[in-house]
Amino acid sequence: MLSQAFELCEDGNYPEALKLYDSIIQKYPKNTAALIDKAVTLQNLGKANQSIGLYDKALKIDPNNLDALVNKGSALHTLEKYDDAITCYDLAIKVDKTCAMALAYKGLSLGELGELREALKHFKKALTIDHDFDLANISKKLTLDLLQDSVKKSKKP
């Protein structure tokens, strides 16, 4: 049923997918995969607050669940709760130091807070783990451009 719900999401049939996730969760309330997949679906529908509640349920069952931590951070980032997002990414990195996605996403949140040098460090670290990670690569280049622009502006008389 879980794979069927995923297929429905892939086809853009979110309402039917959500019904399937609900029936799975009703039968198996501790099924973290179903909780997380439903949360991702809600997040994709712009319902970040609802998705966070489901990520929290999954994390109560499995506090070190990498997918729940990273996705919760992403939902918090969407809500512009960057410090809270960074907390989730830090927990994810504590669980798996080689989680390139958590590193890159943390870089995005740091960038939103104006901490460009710290953001750049995280993008670079993500790229040492996954050289082909487009998000980290694009974000690194953008951050370098922003840093260069700020240096140019500070040198103007």
C-alpha atoms as a PDB file:
ATOM      1  CA  MET A   1       0.000   0.000   0.000  1.00  0.00           C
ATOM      2  CA  LEU A   2       2.870   2.341   0.738  1.00  0.00           C
ATOM      3  CA  SER A   3       4.304   1.963  -2.750  1.00  0.00           C
ATOM      4  CA  GLN A   4       0.832   2.462  -4.214  1.00  0.00           C
ATOM      5  CA  ALA A   5       0.463   5.730  -2.287  1.00  0.00           C
ATOM      6  CA  PHE A   6       3.891   6.815  -3.534  1.00  0.00           C
ATOM      7  CA  GLU A   7       2.844   6.050  -7.124  1.00  0.00           C
ATOM      8  CA  LEU A   8      -0.295   8.132  -6.667  1.00  0.00           C
ATOM      9  CA  CYS A   9       1.889  11.042  -5.529  1.00  0.00           C
ATOM     10  CA  GLU A  10       4.142  10.579  -8.546  1.00  0.00           C
ATOM     11  CA  ASP A  11       1.031  10.828 -10.725  1.00  0.00           C
ATOM     12  CA  GLY A  12      -0.096  13.975  -8.904  1.00  0.00           C
ATOM     13  CA  ASN A  13      -3.107  12.269  -7.331  1.00  0.00           C
ATOM     14  CA  TYR A  14      -2.454  13.649  -3.852  1.00  0.00           C
ATOM     15  CA  PRO A  15      -5.980  13.290  -2.425  1.00  0.00           C
ATOM     16  CA  GLU A  16      -6.033   9.544  -3.121  1.00  0.00           C
ATOM     17  CA  ALA A  17      -2.477   9.164  -1.838  1.00  0.00           C
ATOM     18  CA  LEU A  18      -3.420  10.921   1.405  1.00  0.00           C
ATOM     19  CA  LYS A  19      -6.372   8.543   1.834  1.00  0.00           C
ATOM     20  CA  LEU A  20      -4.043   5.577   1.447  1.00  0.00           C
ATOM     21  CA  TYR A  21      -1.524   7.035   3.909  1.00  0.00           C
ATOM     22  CA  ASP A  22      -4.375   7.592   6.378  1.00  0.00           C
ATOM     23  CA  SER A  23      -5.507   3.977   6.125  1.00  0.00           C
ATOM     24  CA  ILE A  24      -1.925   2.726   6.567  1.00  0.00           C
ATOM     25  CA  ILE A  25      -1.407   4.970   9.594  1.00  0.00           C
ATOM     26  CA  GLN A  26      -4.755   3.909  11.056  1.00  0.00           C
ATOM     27  CA  LYS A  27      -3.690   0.244  10.855  1.00  0.00           C
ATOM     28  CA  TYR A  28      -0.034   0.857  11.737  1.00  0.00           C
ATOM     29  CA  PRO A  29       0.232   4.099  13.752  1.00  0.00           C
ATOM     30  CA  LYS A  30       3.961   3.596  14.333  1.00  0.00           C
ATOM     31  CA  ASN A  31       4.803   3.205  10.644  1.00  0.00           C
ATOM     32  CA  THR A  32       7.366   5.990  10.322  1.00  0.00           C
ATOM     33  CA  ALA A  33       7.634   5.585   6.539  1.00  0.00           C
ATOM     34  CA  ALA A  34       3.896   6.240   6.134  1.00  0.00           C
ATOM     35  CA  LEU A  35       4.017   9.197   8.543  1.00  0.00           C
ATOM     36  CA  ILE A  36       6.962  10.737   6.720  1.00  0.00           C
ATOM     37  CA  ASP A  37       5.570  10.102   3.235  1.00  0.00           C
ATOM     38  CA  LYS A  38       2.242  11.639   4.220  1.00  0.00           C
ATOM     39  CA  ALA A  39       4.107  14.611   5.688  1.00  0.00           C
ATOM     40  CA  VAL A  40       6.086  15.069   2.461  1.00  0.00           C
ATOM     41  CA  THR A  41       2.845  14.946   0.483  1.00  0.00           C
ATOM     42  CA  LEU A  42       1.290  17.606   2.709  1.00  0.00           C
ATOM     43  CA  GLN A  43       4.433  19.701   2.455  1.00  0.00           C
ATOM     44  CA  ASN A  44       4.270  19.465  -1.347  1.00  0.00           C
ATOM     45  CA  LEU A  45       0.691  20.731  -1.112  1.00  0.00           C
ATOM     46  CA  GLY A  46       1.877  23.781   0.849  1.00  0.00           C
ATOM     47  CA  LYS A  47       0.694  22.480   4.219  1.00  0.00           C
ATOM     48  CA  ALA A  48       3.989  22.831   6.064  1.00  0.00           C
ATOM     49  CA  ASN A  49       2.473  23.148   9.540  1.00  0.00           C
ATOM     50  CA  GLN A  50       0.551  19.887   9.157  1.00  0.00           C
ATOM     51  CA  SER A  51       3.635  18.155   7.807  1.00  0.00           C
ATOM     52  CA  ILE A  52       5.693  19.251  10.813  1.00  0.00           C
ATOM     53  CA  GLY A  53       3.186  17.587  13.143  1.00  0.00           C
ATOM     54  CA  LEU A  54       3.631  14.304  11.276  1.00  0.00           C
ATOM     55  CA  TYR A  55       7.422  14.616  11.267  1.00  0.00           C
ATOM     56  CA  ASP A  56       7.213  15.114  15.033  1.00  0.00           C
ATOM     57  CA  LYS A  57       5.122  11.939  15.385  1.00  0.00           C
ATOM     58  CA  ALA A  58       7.712  10.014  13.369  1.00  0.00           C
ATOM     59  CA  LEU A  59      10.520  11.475  15.500  1.00  0.00           C
ATOM     60  CA  LYS A  60       8.780  10.404  18.716  1.00  0.00           C
ATOM     61  CA  ILE A  61       8.898   6.850  17.363  1.00  0.00           C
ATOM     62  CA  ASP A  62      12.414   7.130  15.925  1.00  0.00           C
ATOM     63  CA  PRO A  63      14.280  10.233  17.190  1.00  0.00           C
ATOM     64  CA  ASN A  64      17.213   9.600  14.837  1.00  0.00           C
ATOM     65  CA  ASN A  65      15.190   9.237  11.654  1.00  0.00           C
ATOM     66  CA  LEU A  66      17.246  11.125   9.101  1.00  0.00           C
ATOM     67  CA  ASP A  67      14.393  11.636   6.621  1.00  0.00           C
ATOM     68  CA  ALA A  68      12.112  13.063   9.293  1.00  0.00           C
ATOM     69  CA  LEU A  69      14.825  15.414  10.595  1.00  0.00           C
ATOM     70  CA  VAL A  70      15.831  16.749   7.176  1.00  0.00           C
ATOM     71  CA  ASN A  71      12.264  17.086   5.923  1.00  0.00           C
ATOM     72  CA  LYS A  72      11.097  18.767   9.125  1.00  0.00           C
ATOM     73  CA  GLY A  73      13.963  21.219   8.701  1.00  0.00           C
ATOM     74  CA  SER A  74      12.843  21.846   5.139  1.00  0.00           C
ATOM     75  CA  ALA A  75       9.264  22.519   6.255  1.00  0.00           C
ATOM     76  CA  LEU A  76      10.500  24.918   8.941  1.00  0.00           C
ATOM     77  CA  HIS A  77      12.684  26.667   6.349  1.00  0.00           C
ATOM     78  CA  THR A  78       9.593  27.094   4.150  1.00  0.00           C
ATOM     79  CA  LEU A  79       7.890  28.806   7.101  1.00  0.00           C
ATOM     80  CA  GLU A  80      10.973  31.050   7.445  1.00  0.00           C
ATOM     81  CA  LYS A  81      11.831  29.513  10.820  1.00  0.00           C
ATOM     82  CA  TYR A  82      15.491  29.292   9.876  1.00  0.00           C
ATOM     83  CA  ASP A  83      16.935  28.806  13.371  1.00  0.00           C
ATOM     84  CA  ASP A  84      14.552  25.928  14.032  1.00  0.00           C
ATOM     85  CA  ALA A  85      15.392  24.453  10.630  1.00  0.00           C
ATOM     86  CA  ILE A  86      19.108  24.645  11.462  1.00  0.00           C
ATOM     87  CA  THR A  87      18.444  22.785  14.722  1.00  0.00           C
ATOM     88  CA  CYS A  88      16.864  19.937  12.713  1.00  0.00           C
ATOM     89  CA  TYR A  89      19.754  19.881  10.252  1.00  0.00           C
ATOM     90  CA  ASP A  90      22.264  19.818  13.116  1.00  0.00           C
ATOM     91  CA  LEU A  91      20.477  16.810  14.602  1.00  0.00           C
ATOM     92  CA  ALA A  92      20.508  15.108  11.187  1.00  0.00           C
ATOM     93  CA  ILE A  93      24.241  15.801  10.808  1.00  0.00           C
ATOM     94  CA  LYS A  94      24.816  14.383  14.295  1.00  0.00           C
ATOM     95  CA  VAL A  95      23.057  11.183  13.157  1.00  0.00           C
ATOM     96  CA  ASP A  96      24.961  11.061   9.833  1.00  0.00           C
ATOM     97  CA  LYS A  97      27.932  13.340   9.267  1.00  0.00           C
ATOM     98  CA  THR A  98      27.873  12.402   5.585  1.00  0.00           C
ATOM     99  CA  CYS A  99      24.322  13.609   4.925  1.00  0.00           C
ATOM    100  CA  ALA A 100      25.038  16.015   2.077  1.00  0.00           C
ATOM    101  CA  MET A 101      21.408  17.122   1.945  1.00  0.00           C
ATOM    102  CA  ALA A 102      21.359  18.185   5.612  1.00  0.00           C
ATOM    103  CA  LEU A 103      24.609  20.097   5.102  1.00  0.00           C
ATOM    104  CA  ALA A 104      23.353  21.874   1.981  1.00  0.00           C
ATOM    105  CA  TYR A 105      19.956  22.648   3.490  1.00  0.00           C
ATOM    106  CA  LYS A 106      21.668  24.046   6.567  1.00  0.00           C
ATOM    107  CA  GLY A 107      23.679  26.226   4.213  1.00  0.00           C
ATOM    108  CA  LEU A 108      20.458  27.536   2.678  1.00  0.00           C
ATOM    109  CA  SER A 109      19.037  28.444   6.081  1.00  0.00           C
ATOM    110  CA  LEU A 110      22.307  30.087   7.121  1.00  0.00           C
ATOM    111  CA  GLY A 111      22.243  32.071   3.892  1.00  0.00           C
ATOM    112  CA  GLU A 112      18.724  33.286   4.630  1.00  0.00           C
ATOM    113  CA  LEU A 113      20.032  34.525   7.984  1.00  0.00           C
ATOM    114  CA  GLY A 114      22.792  36.434   6.183  1.00  0.00           C
ATOM    115  CA  GLU A 115      25.556  34.131   7.425  1.00  0.00           C
ATOM    116  CA  LEU A 116      27.079  33.731   3.962  1.00  0.00           C
ATOM    117  CA  ARG A 117      30.540  32.523   4.988  1.00  0.00           C
ATOM    118  CA  GLU A 118      29.057  29.792   7.192  1.00  0.00           C
ATOM    119  CA  ALA A 119      26.616  28.883   4.434  1.00  0.00           C
ATOM    120  CA  LEU A 120      29.496  28.580   1.963  1.00  0.00           C
ATOM    121  CA  LYS A 121      31.340  26.198   4.321  1.00  0.00           C
ATOM    122  CA  HIS A 122      28.298  23.926   4.415  1.00  0.00           C
ATOM    123  CA  PHE A 123      27.844  23.930   0.642  1.00  0.00           C
ATOM    124  CA  LYS A 124      31.520  23.050   0.195  1.00  0.00           C
ATOM    125  CA  LYS A 125      31.301  20.257   2.756  1.00  0.00           C
ATOM    126  CA  ALA A 126      28.191  18.849   1.062  1.00  0.00           C
ATOM    127  CA  LEU A 127      30.090  18.863  -2.245  1.00  0.00           C
ATOM    128  CA  THR A 128      33.013  16.932  -0.744  1.00  0.00           C
ATOM    129  CA  ILE A 129      30.488  14.182   0.042  1.00  0.00           C
ATOM    130  CA  ASP A 130      28.471  14.402  -3.187  1.00  0.00           C
ATOM    131  CA  HIS A 131      30.375  16.140  -5.983  1.00  0.00           C
ATOM    132  CA  ASP A 132      27.308  16.164  -8.247  1.00  0.00           C
ATOM    133  CA  PHE A 133      24.830  17.652  -5.775  1.00  0.00           C
ATOM    134  CA  ASP A 134      23.251  20.362  -7.947  1.00  0.00           C
ATOM    135  CA  LEU A 135      21.611  22.261  -5.096  1.00  0.00           C
ATOM    136  CA  ALA A 136      24.914  22.574  -3.217  1.00  0.00           C
ATOM    137  CA  ASN A 137      26.806  23.489  -6.387  1.00  0.00           C
ATOM    138  CA  ILE A 138      24.366  26.195  -7.490  1.00  0.00           C
ATOM    139  CA  SER A 139      24.085  27.561  -3.941  1.00  0.00           C
ATOM    140  CA  LYS A 140      27.868  27.645  -3.558  1.00  0.00           C
ATOM    141  CA  LYS A 141      28.231  29.679  -6.756  1.00  0.00           C
ATOM    142  CA  LEU A 142      25.449  32.056  -5.765  1.00  0.00           C
ATOM    143  CA  THR A 143      26.943  32.533  -2.295  1.00  0.00           C
ATOM    144  CA  LEU A 144      30.381  33.242  -3.773  1.00  0.00           C
ATOM    145  CA  ASP A 145      28.809  35.862  -6.061  1.00  0.00           C
ATOM    146  CA  LEU A 146      27.024  37.470  -3.116  1.00  0.00           C
ATOM    147  CA  LEU A 147      30.228  37.528  -1.073  1.00  0.00           C
ATOM    148  CA  GLN A 148      32.161  39.084  -3.973  1.00  0.00           C
ATOM    149  CA  ASP A 149      29.443  41.716  -4.430  1.00  0.00           C
ATOM    150  CA  SER A 150      29.595  42.619  -0.748  1.00  0.00           C
ATOM    151  CA  VAL A 151      33.402  42.958  -0.927  1.00  0.00           C
ATOM    152  CA  LYS A 152      33.098  45.249  -3.981  1.00  0.00           C
ATOM    153  CA  LYS A 153      30.475  47.394  -2.240  1.00  0.00           C
ATOM    154  CA  SER A 154      32.618  47.739   0.893  1.00  0.00           C
ATOM    155  CA  LYS A 155      35.620  48.910  -1.188  1.00  0.00           C
ATOM    156  CA  LYS A 156      33.682  51.714  -2.898  1.00  0.00           C
ATOM    157  CA  PRO A 157      34.515  55.176  -1.525  1.00  0.00           C
END
